[in-house]
Amino acid sequence: MKATAVTVCLPVRDLDAAIAWYRSALSLAEPVQVPVEGLVEFDLGPFWLQLTHDPEQAGQAGITVAVSVEDAAAERAALADKGLTVSEVQRFEGAVDFFEFTDPDGNVLGFVTELT
């Protein structure tokens, strides 16, 4: 199999609040699509981020999104400057720099930079 795109769907309790939070945290424009009521999509280039109104599933353990970026430390600083609580950057020598943070619904997001 060779995938051509990836879509990640995160359940949230309050869709309007989640849209505002993600737009602010990740500097996103308005959602690109609203395919059905209660579901919005953001085009982040290499993948699509969906937010879906699903209060019962929001923040359940097991869902983690890891986004590859050029400079995890710079992304961490930008998120911290916005007042978000982010972990310290962890370095796994010869592999990656990585940090994570949690959205208001308890979904975990991580940013990773591969070290070469």
C-alpha atoms as a PDB file:
ATOM      1  CA  MET A   1       0.000   0.000   0.000  1.00  0.00           C
ATOM      2  CA  LYS A   2       1.156   3.510  -0.763  1.00  0.00           C
ATOM      3  CA  ALA A   3      -1.037   6.165   0.847  1.00  0.00           C
ATOM      4  CA  THR A   4      -1.530   9.458  -0.950  1.00  0.00           C
ATOM      5  CA  ALA A   5      -3.032  11.361   1.978  1.00  0.00           C
ATOM      6  CA  VAL A   6      -3.948  10.953   5.634  1.00  0.00           C
ATOM      7  CA  THR A   7      -6.975  12.289   7.474  1.00  0.00           C
ATOM      8  CA  VAL A   8      -7.009  12.474  11.266  1.00  0.00           C
ATOM      9  CA  CYS A   9     -10.354  12.915  12.993  1.00  0.00           C
ATOM     10  CA  LEU A  10     -10.534  14.161  16.581  1.00  0.00           C
ATOM     11  CA  PRO A  11     -13.719  14.007  18.641  1.00  0.00           C
ATOM     12  CA  VAL A  12     -14.588  17.190  20.545  1.00  0.00           C
ATOM     13  CA  ARG A  13     -17.271  18.214  23.032  1.00  0.00           C
ATOM     14  CA  ASP A  14     -18.016  21.676  21.607  1.00  0.00           C
ATOM     15  CA  LEU A  15     -17.312  21.993  17.888  1.00  0.00           C
ATOM     16  CA  ASP A  16     -17.394  25.812  17.735  1.00  0.00           C
ATOM     17  CA  ALA A  17     -15.015  26.114  20.696  1.00  0.00           C
ATOM     18  CA  ALA A  18     -12.703  23.481  19.212  1.00  0.00           C
ATOM     19  CA  ILE A  19     -12.627  25.254  15.841  1.00  0.00           C
ATOM     20  CA  ALA A  20     -11.659  28.507  17.570  1.00  0.00           C
ATOM     21  CA  TRP A  21      -9.000  26.773  19.682  1.00  0.00           C
ATOM     22  CA  TYR A  22      -7.379  24.940  16.757  1.00  0.00           C
ATOM     23  CA  ARG A  23      -7.480  28.043  14.553  1.00  0.00           C
ATOM     24  CA  SER A  24      -5.706  30.023  17.273  1.00  0.00           C
ATOM     25  CA  ALA A  25      -3.266  27.325  18.397  1.00  0.00           C
ATOM     26  CA  LEU A  26      -2.185  26.234  14.923  1.00  0.00           C
ATOM     27  CA  SER A  27      -2.722  29.556  13.100  1.00  0.00           C
ATOM     28  CA  LEU A  28      -5.312  28.034  10.778  1.00  0.00           C
ATOM     29  CA  ALA A  29      -7.817  29.732   8.507  1.00  0.00           C
ATOM     30  CA  GLU A  30     -11.488  28.782   8.551  1.00  0.00           C
ATOM     31  CA  PRO A  31     -12.220  25.090   7.940  1.00  0.00           C
ATOM     32  CA  VAL A  32     -11.923  24.207   4.259  1.00  0.00           C
ATOM     33  CA  GLN A  33     -14.933  21.901   4.258  1.00  0.00           C
ATOM     34  CA  VAL A  34     -18.012  21.064   6.287  1.00  0.00           C
ATOM     35  CA  PRO A  35     -18.966  17.764   4.635  1.00  0.00           C
ATOM     36  CA  VAL A  36     -21.801  17.002   7.063  1.00  0.00           C
ATOM     37  CA  GLU A  37     -23.286  18.702  10.089  1.00  0.00           C
ATOM     38  CA  GLY A  38     -21.014  18.286  13.105  1.00  0.00           C
ATOM     39  CA  LEU A  39     -17.811  17.687  11.084  1.00  0.00           C
ATOM     40  CA  VAL A  40     -15.276  20.216   9.801  1.00  0.00           C
ATOM     41  CA  GLU A  41     -12.047  19.730   7.875  1.00  0.00           C
ATOM     42  CA  PHE A  42      -8.813  21.696   7.776  1.00  0.00           C
ATOM     43  CA  ASP A  43      -6.289  21.098   4.973  1.00  0.00           C
ATOM     44  CA  LEU A  44      -2.855  21.104   6.600  1.00  0.00           C
ATOM     45  CA  GLY A  45      -0.999  20.193   3.416  1.00  0.00           C
ATOM     46  CA  PRO A  46       0.376  16.712   4.057  1.00  0.00           C
ATOM     47  CA  PHE A  47      -2.749  15.706   5.964  1.00  0.00           C
ATOM     48  CA  TRP A  48      -6.320  16.700   6.732  1.00  0.00           C
ATOM     49  CA  LEU A  49      -7.482  17.441  10.263  1.00  0.00           C
ATOM     50  CA  GLN A  50     -11.131  16.753  10.997  1.00  0.00           C
ATOM     51  CA  LEU A  51     -12.952  17.836  14.128  1.00  0.00           C
ATOM     52  CA  THR A  52     -16.181  16.047  14.880  1.00  0.00           C
ATOM     53  CA  HIS A  53     -18.802  16.795  17.507  1.00  0.00           C
ATOM     54  CA  ASP A  54     -18.715  13.632  19.636  1.00  0.00           C
ATOM     55  CA  PRO A  55     -18.789  14.505  23.359  1.00  0.00           C
ATOM     56  CA  GLU A  56     -18.769  10.880  24.507  1.00  0.00           C
ATOM     57  CA  GLN A  57     -15.493  10.095  22.694  1.00  0.00           C
ATOM     58  CA  ALA A  58     -13.679  13.410  23.228  1.00  0.00           C
ATOM     59  CA  GLY A  59     -10.324  13.004  24.913  1.00  0.00           C
ATOM     60  CA  GLN A  60     -10.422   9.222  25.170  1.00  0.00           C
ATOM     61  CA  ALA A  61      -6.995   7.662  25.637  1.00  0.00           C
ATOM     62  CA  GLY A  62      -5.363   6.159  22.605  1.00  0.00           C
ATOM     63  CA  ILE A  63      -5.733   9.027  20.158  1.00  0.00           C
ATOM     64  CA  THR A  64      -2.503  10.919  19.597  1.00  0.00           C
ATOM     65  CA  VAL A  65      -1.629  13.017  16.564  1.00  0.00           C
ATOM     66  CA  ALA A  66       2.063  13.516  15.778  1.00  0.00           C
ATOM     67  CA  VAL A  67       2.878  16.194  13.215  1.00  0.00           C
ATOM     68  CA  SER A  68       6.305  16.343  11.590  1.00  0.00           C
ATOM     69  CA  VAL A  69       7.737  19.864  11.405  1.00  0.00           C
ATOM     70  CA  GLU A  70      11.074  21.403  10.464  1.00  0.00           C
ATOM     71  CA  ASP A  71      11.828  22.734  13.976  1.00  0.00           C
ATOM     72  CA  ALA A  72       9.945  21.276  16.945  1.00  0.00           C
ATOM     73  CA  ALA A  73      11.611  23.689  19.383  1.00  0.00           C
ATOM     74  CA  ALA A  74      10.439  26.715  17.372  1.00  0.00           C
ATOM     75  CA  GLU A  75       6.887  25.332  17.151  1.00  0.00           C
ATOM     76  CA  ARG A  76       6.926  24.693  20.897  1.00  0.00           C
ATOM     77  CA  ALA A  77       8.020  28.271  21.565  1.00  0.00           C
ATOM     78  CA  ALA A  78       5.269  29.633  19.290  1.00  0.00           C
ATOM     79  CA  LEU A  79       2.591  27.590  21.078  1.00  0.00           C
ATOM     80  CA  ALA A  80       3.937  28.569  24.506  1.00  0.00           C
ATOM     81  CA  ASP A  81       3.888  32.232  23.414  1.00  0.00           C
ATOM     82  CA  LYS A  82       0.156  31.774  22.752  1.00  0.00           C
ATOM     83  CA  GLY A  83      -0.271  30.700  26.374  1.00  0.00           C
ATOM     84  CA  LEU A  84      -0.670  26.977  25.708  1.00  0.00           C
ATOM     85  CA  THR A  85       0.763  24.440  28.124  1.00  0.00           C
ATOM     86  CA  VAL A  86       3.328  22.358  26.260  1.00  0.00           C
ATOM     87  CA  SER A  87       5.792  19.725  27.424  1.00  0.00           C
ATOM     88  CA  GLU A  88       9.516  20.271  27.211  1.00  0.00           C
ATOM     89  CA  VAL A  89      11.197  19.196  23.988  1.00  0.00           C
ATOM     90  CA  GLN A  90      12.548  15.697  24.433  1.00  0.00           C
ATOM     91  CA  ARG A  91      15.541  14.706  22.333  1.00  0.00           C
ATOM     92  CA  PHE A  92      16.082  11.135  21.326  1.00  0.00           C
ATOM     93  CA  GLU A  93      19.643  11.337  19.990  1.00  0.00           C
ATOM     94  CA  GLY A  94      19.994  10.317  16.383  1.00  0.00           C
ATOM     95  CA  ALA A  95      16.217  10.036  16.037  1.00  0.00           C
ATOM     96  CA  VAL A  96      13.874  12.927  16.890  1.00  0.00           C
ATOM     97  CA  ASP A  97      13.055  16.018  18.929  1.00  0.00           C
ATOM     98  CA  PHE A  98       9.494  15.756  20.252  1.00  0.00           C
ATOM     99  CA  PHE A  99       7.024  17.639  22.439  1.00  0.00           C
ATOM    100  CA  GLU A 100       3.326  17.351  23.061  1.00  0.00           C
ATOM    101  CA  PHE A 101       0.338  19.284  24.308  1.00  0.00           C
ATOM    102  CA  THR A 102      -3.328  18.597  24.936  1.00  0.00           C
ATOM    103  CA  ASP A 103      -6.352  20.303  23.431  1.00  0.00           C
ATOM    104  CA  PRO A 104      -9.232  21.417  25.689  1.00  0.00           C
ATOM    105  CA  ASP A 105     -10.992  18.060  25.082  1.00  0.00           C
ATOM    106  CA  GLY A 106      -8.008  15.960  26.183  1.00  0.00           C
ATOM    107  CA  ASN A 107      -6.782  14.948  22.708  1.00  0.00           C
ATOM    108  CA  VAL A 108      -2.966  14.739  22.646  1.00  0.00           C
ATOM    109  CA  LEU A 109      -1.010  16.403  19.865  1.00  0.00           C
ATOM    110  CA  GLY A 110       2.708  16.114  19.351  1.00  0.00           C
ATOM    111  CA  PHE A 111       5.198  17.831  17.104  1.00  0.00           C
ATOM    112  CA  VAL A 112       8.273  15.949  15.974  1.00  0.00           C
ATOM    113  CA  THR A 113      11.442  16.840  14.062  1.00  0.00           C
ATOM    114  CA  GLU A 114      13.492  14.042  12.627  1.00  0.00           C
ATOM    115  CA  LEU A 115      17.206  14.385  13.374  1.00  0.00           C
ATOM    116  CA  THR A 116      19.580  13.451  10.620  1.00  0.00           C
END
